[in-house]
Amino acid sequence: MTKESIDPKVYDLYDEYCHTQMTRRDFFRKASGIVVAGGSALVMAEALLPRYTAAQTISFTDERIKPRYVEYDSTGGSSGKMRGYLVKPGGKGPFPVILVIHENRGLNPYIEDVSRRFAVEGFLSLAPDGLAPIGGYPGNDDDGKIMQKSLDKDKLFTDMLNSAKFLKHHEMSNGKLGATGFCYGGGVVNKLAIIMGANLNAGVPFYGAAPALENVSKIQAPLMLNYAEDDPRVNVTQQGYREALKANNKDFVMYTYEGTRHGFHNNSTPRYNEEQAKIAWERTVSFFKVHLS
């Protein structure tokens, strides 16, 4: 089934499923009640579920990189300890470093793959697992989003902030830190830009909620903000954020990708837009190379 053949009502239901406590059973039950032309809404709903194995682009055995899981302290976080997926590029370093922040379901295979993609481009990357203090990503997104919802939001953010500090000061770091994130992770990048000030050297949030606008003046990092065209839940904050960044003379560029939906960079589901995701990725890599080298 192609993404074009999936009814927009099913896409909207899937977005609700991803961002609420809706169970998979309820998702399928509600989908079965949707009337669509030219097919079954239930079949369309099943097609939207992620296929992580098929979506992998860089293998963990790729000879160009060295991935491993690392543990580090996280004072003030959910448990005082954190775990993340650290991927080293070839060579001795030091390297520019990039924090890769997951969506609202923990460190799933898609985010690990993104971290490996950055390492192939010459960055030392770390993808923290916000669920590590309560057992880690459980192997499926349904349980992952329930687990993440159970965490204290401020402590979870502290774990991400401490992950950024750990990476910036890593022995293989050149001291230049970039951060990118998707959905929940995009919102975290926006908040890190405020909290870290000059200690964040570049930020690239993907379809992330804007931070509190009264704090935009504290941002010092250059930002590249990526939005989907059809994403009303997130885009309601876009215009106000743009105006606040302009009013405070911040260094930023903002892109909205034509014909895309929320999650268009995630190549594990039909929401993926290959053409626009490629453009966004190339822009992201170039942006980081300019500001972190």
C-alpha atoms as a PDB file:
ATOM      1  CA  MET A   1       0.000   0.000   0.000  1.00  0.00           C
ATOM      2  CA  THR A   2       1.356   3.410  -0.981  1.00  0.00           C
ATOM      3  CA  LYS A   3       1.178   6.457   1.240  1.00  0.00           C
ATOM      4  CA  GLU A   4      -0.991   8.170  -1.378  1.00  0.00           C
ATOM      5  CA  SER A   5      -3.648   5.456  -1.064  1.00  0.00           C
ATOM      6  CA  ILE A   6      -4.079   5.977   2.686  1.00  0.00           C
ATOM      7  CA  ASP A   7      -7.068   8.133   3.517  1.00  0.00           C
ATOM      8  CA  PRO A   8      -6.291  11.438   5.330  1.00  0.00           C
ATOM      9  CA  LYS A   9      -8.753  10.496   8.087  1.00  0.00           C
ATOM     10  CA  VAL A  10      -6.610   7.446   8.872  1.00  0.00           C
ATOM     11  CA  TYR A  11      -3.465   9.582   8.949  1.00  0.00           C
ATOM     12  CA  ASP A  12      -5.178  11.911  11.406  1.00  0.00           C
ATOM     13  CA  LEU A  13      -6.199   8.991  13.594  1.00  0.00           C
ATOM     14  CA  TYR A  14      -2.639   7.670  13.525  1.00  0.00           C
ATOM     15  CA  ASP A  15      -1.310  11.053  14.651  1.00  0.00           C
ATOM     16  CA  GLU A  16      -3.748  10.966  17.554  1.00  0.00           C
ATOM     17  CA  TYR A  17      -2.680   7.411  18.377  1.00  0.00           C
ATOM     18  CA  CYS A  18       0.995   8.407  18.410  1.00  0.00           C
ATOM     19  CA  HIS A  19       0.521  11.420  20.656  1.00  0.00           C
ATOM     20  CA  THR A  20      -2.062  10.235  23.167  1.00  0.00           C
ATOM     21  CA  GLN A  21      -2.555   7.248  25.424  1.00  0.00           C
ATOM     22  CA  MET A  22      -4.685   5.528  22.779  1.00  0.00           C
ATOM     23  CA  THR A  23      -3.859   1.828  22.704  1.00  0.00           C
ATOM     24  CA  ARG A  24      -3.148  -0.107  19.534  1.00  0.00           C
ATOM     25  CA  ARG A  25      -6.381  -2.021  20.050  1.00  0.00           C
ATOM     26  CA  ASP A  26      -8.361   1.223  20.218  1.00  0.00           C
ATOM     27  CA  PHE A  27      -6.491   2.569  17.206  1.00  0.00           C
ATOM     28  CA  PHE A  28      -7.554  -0.437  15.146  1.00  0.00           C
ATOM     29  CA  ARG A  29     -11.079  -0.357  16.570  1.00  0.00           C
ATOM     30  CA  LYS A  30     -11.542   3.297  15.636  1.00  0.00           C
ATOM     31  CA  ALA A  31      -9.975   2.743  12.232  1.00  0.00           C
ATOM     32  CA  SER A  32     -12.399  -0.056  11.480  1.00  0.00           C
ATOM     33  CA  GLY A  33     -15.250   2.425  11.955  1.00  0.00           C
ATOM     34  CA  ILE A  34     -13.923   4.906   9.385  1.00  0.00           C
ATOM     35  CA  VAL A  35     -15.584   4.802   5.989  1.00  0.00           C
ATOM     36  CA  VAL A  36     -13.097   5.293   3.152  1.00  0.00           C
ATOM     37  CA  ALA A  37     -13.250   4.965  -0.597  1.00  0.00           C
ATOM     38  CA  GLY A  38     -11.311   2.298  -2.435  1.00  0.00           C
ATOM     39  CA  GLY A  39     -10.257   0.078   0.412  1.00  0.00           C
ATOM     40  CA  SER A  40     -10.312  -0.736   4.118  1.00  0.00           C
ATOM     41  CA  ALA A  41      -9.415   1.857   6.744  1.00  0.00           C
ATOM     42  CA  LEU A  42      -8.247  -0.960   9.015  1.00  0.00           C
ATOM     43  CA  VAL A  43      -5.769  -2.157   6.387  1.00  0.00           C
ATOM     44  CA  MET A  44      -4.606   1.418   5.975  1.00  0.00           C
ATOM     45  CA  ALA A  45      -4.118   1.738   9.735  1.00  0.00           C
ATOM     46  CA  GLU A  46      -2.049  -1.447   9.846  1.00  0.00           C
ATOM     47  CA  ALA A  47       0.136  -0.102   7.021  1.00  0.00           C
ATOM     48  CA  LEU A  48       1.020   2.975   9.088  1.00  0.00           C
ATOM     49  CA  LEU A  49       2.718   1.017  11.874  1.00  0.00           C
ATOM     50  CA  PRO A  50       6.528   1.300  11.830  1.00  0.00           C
ATOM     51  CA  ARG A  51       8.678  -1.310  10.072  1.00  0.00           C
ATOM     52  CA  TYR A  52      11.994  -0.637  11.734  1.00  0.00           C
ATOM     53  CA  THR A  53      14.017  -3.522  10.321  1.00  0.00           C
ATOM     54  CA  ALA A  54      13.148  -2.676   6.738  1.00  0.00           C
ATOM     55  CA  ALA A  55      13.840   1.022   7.377  1.00  0.00           C
ATOM     56  CA  GLN A  56      17.417   0.635   8.632  1.00  0.00           C
ATOM     57  CA  THR A  57      19.851   2.596   6.458  1.00  0.00           C
ATOM     58  CA  ILE A  58      23.148   2.152   8.333  1.00  0.00           C
ATOM     59  CA  SER A  59      23.877  -1.195   9.976  1.00  0.00           C
ATOM     60  CA  PHE A  60      25.338  -1.299  13.470  1.00  0.00           C
ATOM     61  CA  THR A  61      28.064  -3.510  11.934  1.00  0.00           C
ATOM     62  CA  ASP A  62      29.032  -0.862   9.368  1.00  0.00           C
ATOM     63  CA  GLU A  63      32.831  -0.666   9.353  1.00  0.00           C
ATOM     64  CA  ARG A  64      32.795   3.127   9.129  1.00  0.00           C
ATOM     65  CA  ILE A  65      31.432   3.528  12.656  1.00  0.00           C
ATOM     66  CA  LYS A  66      31.728   2.122  16.176  1.00  0.00           C
ATOM     67  CA  PRO A  67      28.437   2.160  18.118  1.00  0.00           C
ATOM     68  CA  ARG A  68      28.030   1.217  21.771  1.00  0.00           C
ATOM     69  CA  TYR A  69      25.761   1.881  24.719  1.00  0.00           C
ATOM     70  CA  VAL A  70      27.160   4.071  27.468  1.00  0.00           C
ATOM     71  CA  GLU A  71      26.022   4.973  30.966  1.00  0.00           C
ATOM     72  CA  TYR A  72      26.624   8.288  32.689  1.00  0.00           C
ATOM     73  CA  ASP A  73      25.490  10.326  35.671  1.00  0.00           C
ATOM     74  CA  SER A  74      22.391  12.512  35.463  1.00  0.00           C
ATOM     75  CA  THR A  75      22.026  14.500  38.655  1.00  0.00           C
ATOM     76  CA  GLY A  76      18.466  15.720  39.162  1.00  0.00           C
ATOM     77  CA  GLY A  77      17.029  13.433  36.503  1.00  0.00           C
ATOM     78  CA  SER A  78      14.590  10.557  36.828  1.00  0.00           C
ATOM     79  CA  SER A  79      17.031   8.292  38.664  1.00  0.00           C
ATOM     80  CA  GLY A  80      20.432   9.998  38.718  1.00  0.00           C
ATOM     81  CA  LYS A  81      21.730   7.734  35.934  1.00  0.00           C
ATOM     82  CA  MET A  82      21.279   7.697  32.175  1.00  0.00           C
ATOM     83  CA  ARG A  83      22.037   5.416  29.239  1.00  0.00           C
ATOM     84  CA  GLY A  84      22.524   6.347  25.619  1.00  0.00           C
ATOM     85  CA  TYR A  85      23.613   5.076  22.230  1.00  0.00           C
ATOM     86  CA  LEU A  86      27.025   6.549  21.399  1.00  0.00           C
ATOM     87  CA  VAL A  87      28.278   6.226  17.826  1.00  0.00           C
ATOM     88  CA  LYS A  88      31.864   7.093  16.961  1.00  0.00           C
ATOM     89  CA  PRO A  89      32.939   7.867  13.399  1.00  0.00           C
ATOM     90  CA  GLY A  90      36.132   6.549  11.888  1.00  0.00           C
ATOM     91  CA  GLY A  91      39.375   8.234  12.925  1.00  0.00           C
ATOM     92  CA  LYS A  92      40.819   9.403  16.209  1.00  0.00           C
ATOM     93  CA  GLY A  93      39.019  12.713  16.596  1.00  0.00           C
ATOM     94  CA  PRO A  94      38.293  15.022  18.217  1.00  0.00           C
ATOM     95  CA  PHE A  95      34.911  15.238  16.528  1.00  0.00           C
ATOM     96  CA  PRO A  96      32.033  17.700  16.451  1.00  0.00           C
ATOM     97  CA  VAL A  97      29.220  16.165  18.491  1.00  0.00           C
ATOM     98  CA  ILE A  98      25.472  15.859  17.960  1.00  0.00           C
ATOM     99  CA  LEU A  99      22.788  14.917  20.454  1.00  0.00           C
ATOM    100  CA  VAL A 100      19.888  13.027  18.800  1.00  0.00           C
ATOM    101  CA  ILE A 101      16.689  13.222  20.849  1.00  0.00           C
ATOM    102  CA  HIS A 102      13.924  10.697  20.376  1.00  0.00           C
ATOM    103  CA  GLU A 103      10.182  11.123  19.981  1.00  0.00           C
ATOM    104  CA  ASN A 104       7.659  10.445  22.750  1.00  0.00           C
ATOM    105  CA  ARG A 105       8.387   6.709  23.008  1.00  0.00           C
ATOM    106  CA  GLY A 106      12.024   6.268  23.937  1.00  0.00           C
ATOM    107  CA  LEU A 107      15.096   5.241  22.004  1.00  0.00           C
ATOM    108  CA  ASN A 108      13.627   3.164  19.188  1.00  0.00           C
ATOM    109  CA  PRO A 109      15.548   1.700  16.199  1.00  0.00           C
ATOM    110  CA  TYR A 110      14.769   4.667  13.955  1.00  0.00           C
ATOM    111  CA  ILE A 111      16.522   7.101  16.307  1.00  0.00           C
ATOM    112  CA  GLU A 112      19.502   4.756  16.666  1.00  0.00           C
ATOM    113  CA  ASP A 113      19.734   4.654  12.877  1.00  0.00           C
ATOM    114  CA  VAL A 114      19.717   8.462  12.709  1.00  0.00           C
ATOM    115  CA  SER A 115      22.571   8.501  15.209  1.00  0.00           C
ATOM    116  CA  ARG A 116      24.549   6.129  12.989  1.00  0.00           C
ATOM    117  CA  ARG A 117      23.830   8.329   9.960  1.00  0.00           C
ATOM    118  CA  PHE A 118      25.442  11.285  11.720  1.00  0.00           C
ATOM    119  CA  ALA A 119      28.505   9.217  12.596  1.00  0.00           C
ATOM    120  CA  VAL A 120      28.965   8.295   8.943  1.00  0.00           C
ATOM    121  CA  GLU A 121      29.020  12.047   8.261  1.00  0.00           C
ATOM    122  CA  GLY A 122      31.877  12.509  10.746  1.00  0.00           C
ATOM    123  CA  PHE A 123      30.037  13.459  13.934  1.00  0.00           C
ATOM    124  CA  LEU A 124      30.277  11.778  17.312  1.00  0.00           C
ATOM    125  CA  SER A 125      26.605  11.238  18.115  1.00  0.00           C
ATOM    126  CA  LEU A 126      24.693  10.320  21.234  1.00  0.00           C
ATOM    127  CA  ALA A 127      21.057   9.248  21.332  1.00  0.00           C
ATOM    128  CA  PRO A 128      19.941   9.200  24.979  1.00  0.00           C
ATOM    129  CA  ASP A 129      17.141   6.893  26.091  1.00  0.00           C
ATOM    130  CA  GLY A 130      14.813   8.874  28.322  1.00  0.00           C
ATOM    131  CA  LEU A 131      13.267   5.580  29.428  1.00  0.00           C
ATOM    132  CA  ALA A 132      16.580   4.207  30.737  1.00  0.00           C
ATOM    133  CA  PRO A 133      15.783   5.072  34.390  1.00  0.00           C
ATOM    134  CA  ILE A 134      12.653   2.874  34.221  1.00  0.00           C
ATOM    135  CA  GLY A 135      14.039  -0.017  32.222  1.00  0.00           C
ATOM    136  CA  GLY A 136      14.738   1.472  28.814  1.00  0.00           C
ATOM    137  CA  TYR A 137      12.946   1.329  25.495  1.00  0.00           C
ATOM    138  CA  PRO A 138      10.756  -1.797  25.785  1.00  0.00           C
ATOM    139  CA  GLY A 139      11.061  -2.977  22.199  1.00  0.00           C
ATOM    140  CA  ASN A 140       7.789  -1.515  20.965  1.00  0.00           C
ATOM    141  CA  ASP A 141       6.429   2.003  20.647  1.00  0.00           C
ATOM    142  CA  ASP A 142       3.087   1.286  22.306  1.00  0.00           C
ATOM    143  CA  ASP A 143       4.600   0.471  25.679  1.00  0.00           C
ATOM    144  CA  GLY A 144       7.299   3.084  25.106  1.00  0.00           C
ATOM    145  CA  LYS A 145       4.895   5.994  24.858  1.00  0.00           C
ATOM    146  CA  ILE A 146       3.080   4.852  28.021  1.00  0.00           C
ATOM    147  CA  MET A 147       6.385   4.629  29.865  1.00  0.00           C
ATOM    148  CA  GLN A 148       7.504   8.063  28.699  1.00  0.00           C
ATOM    149  CA  LYS A 149       4.169   9.585  29.687  1.00  0.00           C
ATOM    150  CA  SER A 150       4.678   8.219  33.213  1.00  0.00           C
ATOM    151  CA  LEU A 151       7.898  10.184  33.728  1.00  0.00           C
ATOM    152  CA  ASP A 152       8.129  13.561  35.409  1.00  0.00           C
ATOM    153  CA  LYS A 153       8.542  16.011  32.514  1.00  0.00           C
ATOM    154  CA  ASP A 154      11.078  18.213  34.265  1.00  0.00           C
ATOM    155  CA  LYS A 155      13.238  15.274  35.324  1.00  0.00           C
ATOM    156  CA  LEU A 156      13.089  13.830  31.820  1.00  0.00           C
ATOM    157  CA  PHE A 157      14.258  17.152  30.401  1.00  0.00           C
ATOM    158  CA  THR A 158      17.058  17.226  32.983  1.00  0.00           C
ATOM    159  CA  ASP A 159      18.174  13.817  31.732  1.00  0.00           C
ATOM    160  CA  MET A 160      18.349  15.235  28.192  1.00  0.00           C
ATOM    161  CA  LEU A 161      20.211  18.317  29.387  1.00  0.00           C
ATOM    162  CA  ASN A 162      22.722  16.183  31.266  1.00  0.00           C
ATOM    163  CA  SER A 163      23.126  14.035  28.159  1.00  0.00           C
ATOM    164  CA  ALA A 164      24.021  17.163  26.191  1.00  0.00           C
ATOM    165  CA  LYS A 165      26.605  18.160  28.795  1.00  0.00           C
ATOM    166  CA  PHE A 166      28.064  14.642  28.894  1.00  0.00           C
ATOM    167  CA  LEU A 167      28.475  14.643  25.116  1.00  0.00           C
ATOM    168  CA  LYS A 168      29.887  18.169  24.858  1.00  0.00           C
ATOM    169  CA  HIS A 169      32.623  17.305  27.362  1.00  0.00           C
ATOM    170  CA  HIS A 170      33.310  13.794  26.067  1.00  0.00           C
ATOM    171  CA  GLU A 171      36.994  13.007  25.586  1.00  0.00           C
ATOM    172  CA  MET A 172      36.478  12.658  21.831  1.00  0.00           C
ATOM    173  CA  SER A 173      34.498  15.922  21.492  1.00  0.00           C
ATOM    174  CA  ASN A 174      35.902  19.046  19.862  1.00  0.00           C
ATOM    175  CA  GLY A 175      33.742  21.051  22.249  1.00  0.00           C
ATOM    176  CA  LYS A 176      31.171  22.036  19.604  1.00  0.00           C
ATOM    177  CA  LEU A 177      27.706  20.661  20.391  1.00  0.00           C
ATOM    178  CA  GLY A 178      24.745  20.368  18.075  1.00  0.00           C
ATOM    179  CA  ALA A 179      21.330  18.972  18.935  1.00  0.00           C
ATOM    180  CA  THR A 180      18.545  17.613  16.799  1.00  0.00           C
ATOM    181  CA  GLY A 181      15.298  15.923  17.730  1.00  0.00           C
ATOM    182  CA  PHE A 182      11.979  14.784  16.358  1.00  0.00           C
ATOM    183  CA  CYS A 183       8.505  15.639  17.677  1.00  0.00           C
ATOM    184  CA  TYR A 184       9.035  15.537  21.467  1.00  0.00           C
ATOM    185  CA  GLY A 185      12.766  15.714  20.745  1.00  0.00           C
ATOM    186  CA  GLY A 186      12.297  18.772  18.569  1.00  0.00           C
ATOM    187  CA  GLY A 187      10.630  20.559  21.446  1.00  0.00           C
ATOM    188  CA  VAL A 188      13.530  19.564  23.684  1.00  0.00           C
ATOM    189  CA  VAL A 189      16.022  21.093  21.239  1.00  0.00           C
ATOM    190  CA  ASN A 190      14.113  24.373  21.352  1.00  0.00           C
ATOM    191  CA  LYS A 191      14.213  24.318  25.141  1.00  0.00           C
ATOM    192  CA  LEU A 192      17.904  23.352  25.235  1.00  0.00           C
ATOM    193  CA  ALA A 193      18.642  26.412  23.099  1.00  0.00           C
ATOM    194  CA  ILE A 194      17.159  28.557  25.852  1.00  0.00           C
ATOM    195  CA  ILE A 195      18.648  26.747  28.849  1.00  0.00           C
ATOM    196  CA  MET A 196      22.139  26.173  27.441  1.00  0.00           C
ATOM    197  CA  GLY A 197      22.694  29.552  25.820  1.00  0.00           C
ATOM    198  CA  ALA A 198      26.149  29.701  24.236  1.00  0.00           C
ATOM    199  CA  ASN A 199      26.920  26.133  25.358  1.00  0.00           C
ATOM    200  CA  LEU A 200      24.733  24.885  22.510  1.00  0.00           C
ATOM    201  CA  ASN A 201      26.436  25.660  19.220  1.00  0.00           C
ATOM    202  CA  ALA A 202      23.654  24.697  16.786  1.00  0.00           C
ATOM    203  CA  GLY A 203      20.135  23.269  16.937  1.00  0.00           C
ATOM    204  CA  VAL A 204      17.939  21.567  14.346  1.00  0.00           C
ATOM    205  CA  PRO A 205      14.492  20.639  15.682  1.00  0.00           C
ATOM    206  CA  PHE A 206      12.134  18.653  13.477  1.00  0.00           C
ATOM    207  CA  TYR A 207       8.429  19.461  13.975  1.00  0.00           C
ATOM    208  CA  GLY A 208       8.991  20.439  17.582  1.00  0.00           C
ATOM    209  CA  ALA A 209       6.763  22.626  19.718  1.00  0.00           C
ATOM    210  CA  ALA A 210       8.034  26.153  20.292  1.00  0.00           C
ATOM    211  CA  PRO A 211       9.444  27.084  23.705  1.00  0.00           C
ATOM    212  CA  ALA A 212       7.992  29.763  25.958  1.00  0.00           C
ATOM    213  CA  LEU A 213       8.242  32.839  23.746  1.00  0.00           C
ATOM    214  CA  GLU A 214       9.196  35.162  26.586  1.00  0.00           C
ATOM    215  CA  ASN A 215      12.463  33.212  26.884  1.00  0.00           C
ATOM    216  CA  VAL A 216      13.490  33.368  23.217  1.00  0.00           C
ATOM    217  CA  SER A 217      15.840  36.254  23.996  1.00  0.00           C
ATOM    218  CA  LYS A 218      18.090  33.755  25.839  1.00  0.00           C
ATOM    219  CA  ILE A 219      18.799  31.724  22.684  1.00  0.00           C
ATOM    220  CA  GLN A 220      22.343  32.097  21.361  1.00  0.00           C
ATOM    221  CA  ALA A 221      22.714  29.054  19.104  1.00  0.00           C
ATOM    222  CA  PRO A 222      21.914  29.322  15.401  1.00  0.00           C
ATOM    223  CA  LEU A 223      18.781  27.288  14.648  1.00  0.00           C
ATOM    224  CA  MET A 224      17.391  25.507  11.627  1.00  0.00           C
ATOM    225  CA  LEU A 225      13.726  24.697  12.220  1.00  0.00           C
ATOM    226  CA  ASN A 226      12.043  22.018  10.105  1.00  0.00           C
ATOM    227  CA  TYR A 227       8.243  21.776   9.878  1.00  0.00           C
ATOM    228  CA  ALA A 228       5.805  19.554   8.027  1.00  0.00           C
ATOM    229  CA  GLU A 229       3.222  21.314   5.886  1.00  0.00           C
ATOM    230  CA  ASP A 230       0.264  19.338   7.247  1.00  0.00           C
ATOM    231  CA  ASP A 231       0.863  19.327  10.999  1.00  0.00           C
ATOM    232  CA  PRO A 232      -1.712  21.575  12.711  1.00  0.00           C
ATOM    233  CA  ARG A 233      -0.947  20.334  16.231  1.00  0.00           C
ATOM    234  CA  VAL A 234       2.655  21.577  16.042  1.00  0.00           C
ATOM    235  CA  ASN A 235       2.308  24.351  13.493  1.00  0.00           C
ATOM    236  CA  VAL A 236      -0.018  26.348  15.716  1.00  0.00           C
ATOM    237  CA  THR A 237       3.170  27.504  17.511  1.00  0.00           C
ATOM    238  CA  GLN A 238       5.217  28.169  14.366  1.00  0.00           C
ATOM    239  CA  GLN A 239       4.239  31.731  13.502  1.00  0.00           C
ATOM    240  CA  GLY A 240       4.624  33.062  17.031  1.00  0.00           C
ATOM    241  CA  TYR A 241       8.040  31.429  17.309  1.00  0.00           C
ATOM    242  CA  ARG A 242       9.159  32.935  13.999  1.00  0.00           C
ATOM    243  CA  GLU A 243       8.064  36.398  15.102  1.00  0.00           C
ATOM    244  CA  ALA A 244       9.797  36.086  18.481  1.00  0.00           C
ATOM    245  CA  LEU A 245      13.050  34.945  16.858  1.00  0.00           C
ATOM    246  CA  LYS A 246      12.915  37.865  14.424  1.00  0.00           C
ATOM    247  CA  ALA A 247      12.070  40.368  17.137  1.00  0.00           C
ATOM    248  CA  ASN A 248      15.107  39.239  19.135  1.00  0.00           C
ATOM    249  CA  ASN A 249      17.432  39.240  16.096  1.00  0.00           C
ATOM    250  CA  LYS A 250      18.247  35.559  16.401  1.00  0.00           C
ATOM    251  CA  ASP A 251      20.228  33.561  13.836  1.00  0.00           C
ATOM    252  CA  PHE A 252      17.690  31.134  12.392  1.00  0.00           C
ATOM    253  CA  VAL A 253      16.230  29.655   9.251  1.00  0.00           C
ATOM    254  CA  MET A 254      12.796  28.033   9.125  1.00  0.00           C
ATOM    255  CA  TYR A 255      11.625  25.550   6.501  1.00  0.00           C
ATOM    256  CA  THR A 256       8.199  24.087   5.857  1.00  0.00           C
ATOM    257  CA  TYR A 257       8.354  21.031   3.587  1.00  0.00           C
ATOM    258  CA  GLU A 258       5.693  20.882   0.903  1.00  0.00           C
ATOM    259  CA  GLY A 259       3.389  17.875   0.828  1.00  0.00           C
ATOM    260  CA  THR A 260       4.562  16.462   4.171  1.00  0.00           C
ATOM    261  CA  ARG A 261       2.920  15.316   7.371  1.00  0.00           C
ATOM    262  CA  HIS A 262       4.212  15.166  10.922  1.00  0.00           C
ATOM    263  CA  GLY A 263       6.956  12.547  11.061  1.00  0.00           C
ATOM    264  CA  PHE A 264       7.957  12.910   7.409  1.00  0.00           C
ATOM    265  CA  HIS A 265      11.626  12.207   8.213  1.00  0.00           C
ATOM    266  CA  ASN A 266      10.837   8.839   9.834  1.00  0.00           C
ATOM    267  CA  ASN A 267      11.359   6.289   7.062  1.00  0.00           C
ATOM    268  CA  SER A 268       9.771   3.410   8.977  1.00  0.00           C
ATOM    269  CA  THR A 269       6.161   4.385   8.160  1.00  0.00           C
ATOM    270  CA  PRO A 270       4.246   5.706   5.102  1.00  0.00           C
ATOM    271  CA  ARG A 271       4.353   9.191   6.623  1.00  0.00           C
ATOM    272  CA  TYR A 272       7.894   9.248   5.265  1.00  0.00           C
ATOM    273  CA  ASN A 273       8.406  11.622   2.360  1.00  0.00           C
ATOM    274  CA  GLU A 274      11.583  10.458   0.660  1.00  0.00           C
ATOM    275  CA  GLU A 275      12.156  13.546  -1.460  1.00  0.00           C
ATOM    276  CA  GLN A 276      11.578  16.088   1.291  1.00  0.00           C
ATOM    277  CA  ALA A 277      13.327  14.026   3.970  1.00  0.00           C
ATOM    278  CA  LYS A 278      16.420  13.918   1.752  1.00  0.00           C
ATOM    279  CA  ILE A 279      16.364  17.685   1.364  1.00  0.00           C
ATOM    280  CA  ALA A 280      15.882  18.182   5.113  1.00  0.00           C
ATOM    281  CA  TRP A 281      18.683  15.750   5.945  1.00  0.00           C
ATOM    282  CA  GLU A 282      21.162  17.350   3.551  1.00  0.00           C
ATOM    283  CA  ARG A 283      20.329  20.768   4.952  1.00  0.00           C
ATOM    284  CA  THR A 284      20.742  19.485   8.498  1.00  0.00           C
ATOM    285  CA  VAL A 285      24.144  17.904   7.879  1.00  0.00           C
ATOM    286  CA  SER A 286      25.398  21.011   6.064  1.00  0.00           C
ATOM    287  CA  PHE A 287      24.120  23.267   8.844  1.00  0.00           C
ATOM    288  CA  PHE A 288      25.957  21.260  11.495  1.00  0.00           C
ATOM    289  CA  LYS A 289      29.159  21.121   9.464  1.00  0.00           C
ATOM    290  CA  VAL A 290      29.159  24.900   9.143  1.00  0.00           C
ATOM    291  CA  HIS A 291      28.510  25.596  12.821  1.00  0.00           C
ATOM    292  CA  LEU A 292      30.341  22.739  14.554  1.00  0.00           C
ATOM    293  CA  SER A 293      33.590  22.413  12.610  1.00  0.00           C
END
